[in-house]
Amino acid sequence: GITITHGGVNGALTIAAASGITKATTLLSADFAIDGIAVVTVTTAHGLSSTPNIQDVQLTVSESTDVDDWAYGFVKVESVDATNVVAKVSVAIASLTAGAKAKLNILVILGV
């Protein structure tokens, strides 16, 4: 069977299934600035009872500010521990909109 719960850390969606996946959770990071060229470190609590492996984590980028004049060079998982997923994002082309922000969508799948 499949169990789905919503809530927890950052309003996370958690899915537990009998198909070899023991737990999956989706998270949103805090906003990070995209109005300057930089490598940004984004730390997000995962709220899981076990520590994911680094390969259990997938990242995508979502805009918090509706702008299309920026670009990232890379997005990578830097580390994972018992509490946090630490990612790095290279803002390669900065937005001309002062205060523009984005966030990370984080998918953690355990037991694959």
Protein backbone atom coordinates (compact mmCIF):
# COMPACT_ATOMS: atom_id res chain seq x y z
CA GLY A 1 0.00 0.00 0.00
CA ILE A 2 0.86 3.65 -0.22
CA THR A 3 0.65 6.18 2.60
CA ILE A 4 0.67 9.91 1.81
CA THR A 5 0.98 12.60 4.47
CA HIS A 6 1.22 16.37 4.09
CA GLY A 7 2.75 18.76 6.60
CA GLY A 8 5.96 18.49 8.57
CA VAL A 9 9.04 20.45 7.60
CA ASN A 10 8.24 23.24 5.10
CA GLY A 11 4.83 21.71 4.38
CA ALA A 12 6.54 18.60 3.00
CA LEU A 13 4.65 15.90 1.13
CA THR A 14 5.75 12.46 2.32
CA ILE A 15 4.97 9.21 0.50
CA ALA A 16 5.66 5.73 1.86
CA ALA A 17 5.15 2.77 -0.45
CA ALA A 18 5.67 -0.98 -0.48
CA SER A 19 7.47 -0.91 -3.85
CA GLY A 20 11.00 -0.67 -2.47
CA ILE A 21 10.72 3.04 -1.81
CA THR A 22 10.62 3.35 1.95
CA LYS A 23 9.95 7.08 2.00
CA ALA A 24 9.86 10.04 -0.36
CA THR A 25 9.56 13.67 0.66
CA THR A 26 9.39 16.94 -1.24
CA LEU A 27 10.66 20.19 0.22
CA LEU A 28 11.04 23.82 -0.75
CA SER A 29 14.13 25.68 0.35
CA ALA A 30 14.16 29.21 1.65
CA ASP A 31 14.50 31.91 -0.99
CA PHE A 32 17.97 32.79 -2.24
CA ALA A 33 19.09 35.90 -4.11
CA ILE A 34 19.41 35.82 -7.89
CA ASP A 35 20.15 39.54 -8.35
CA GLY A 36 23.92 39.07 -8.09
CA ILE A 37 26.48 36.70 -9.58
CA ALA A 38 27.51 34.27 -6.85
CA VAL A 39 27.69 30.68 -5.72
CA VAL A 40 24.94 30.44 -3.11
CA THR A 41 24.76 27.80 -0.38
CA VAL A 42 21.20 26.71 0.42
CA THR A 43 20.63 24.64 3.58
CA THR A 44 17.24 22.99 4.11
CA ALA A 45 16.09 20.73 6.96
CA HIS A 46 14.74 17.44 5.54
CA GLY A 47 12.83 16.27 8.62
CA LEU A 48 13.49 12.58 8.00
CA SER A 49 14.16 10.02 10.72
CA SER A 50 17.07 8.54 8.77
CA THR A 51 19.92 10.20 6.91
CA PRO A 52 19.52 10.12 3.12
CA ASN A 53 22.46 9.25 0.89
CA ILE A 54 23.61 12.09 -1.34
CA GLN A 55 22.34 10.19 -4.42
CA ASP A 56 18.84 10.05 -2.85
CA VAL A 57 18.43 13.82 -3.35
CA GLN A 58 17.27 15.57 -6.54
CA LEU A 59 17.13 19.34 -7.04
CA THR A 60 15.31 21.68 -9.39
CA VAL A 61 14.98 25.47 -9.35
CA SER A 62 11.76 27.50 -8.98
CA GLU A 63 11.51 31.26 -9.19
CA SER A 64 10.06 33.17 -6.26
CA THR A 65 10.22 36.41 -8.25
CA ASP A 66 8.69 36.38 -11.74
CA VAL A 67 11.77 37.30 -13.79
CA ASP A 68 13.34 35.67 -16.84
CA ASP A 69 16.58 37.64 -17.09
CA TRP A 70 18.79 35.38 -14.96
CA ALA A 71 20.42 31.97 -15.33
CA TYR A 72 22.16 29.45 -13.16
CA GLY A 73 25.34 27.64 -14.12
CA PHE A 74 25.00 24.61 -11.85
CA VAL A 75 22.85 23.21 -9.06
CA LYS A 76 24.35 20.47 -6.93
CA VAL A 77 23.92 18.63 -3.66
CA GLU A 78 26.92 19.55 -1.54
CA SER A 79 26.16 17.29 1.43
CA VAL A 80 23.43 15.54 3.40
CA ASP A 81 23.43 14.86 7.12
CA ALA A 82 20.96 13.69 9.77
CA THR A 83 19.20 17.07 9.68
CA ASN A 84 19.91 19.00 6.47
CA VAL A 85 20.34 18.90 2.72
CA VAL A 86 23.03 21.39 1.70
CA ALA A 87 23.00 22.51 -1.93
CA LYS A 88 24.97 25.00 -3.99
CA VAL A 89 23.60 27.10 -6.85
CA SER A 90 25.79 29.11 -9.20
CA VAL A 91 23.96 32.27 -10.26
CA ALA A 92 25.82 32.79 -13.56
CA ILE A 93 23.70 35.66 -14.95
CA ALA A 94 22.15 37.96 -12.36
CA SER A 95 18.64 39.38 -12.66
CA LEU A 96 18.45 43.13 -13.17
CA THR A 97 15.49 43.18 -10.78
CA ALA A 98 16.75 44.21 -7.34
CA GLY A 99 15.71 41.72 -4.68
CA ALA A 100 14.84 38.94 -7.17
CA LYS A 101 14.80 35.50 -5.55
CA ALA A 102 14.45 31.81 -6.37
CA LYS A 103 14.21 28.62 -4.32
CA LEU A 104 15.03 24.95 -4.69
CA ASN A 105 12.56 22.10 -5.06
CA ILE A 106 14.10 19.19 -3.20
CA LEU A 107 13.01 15.57 -3.71
CA VAL A 108 14.40 12.93 -1.36
CA ILE A 109 13.64 9.28 -2.12
CA LEU A 110 14.86 6.71 0.41
CA GLY A 111 15.19 3.00 -0.17
CA VAL A 112 15.65 2.93 -3.93
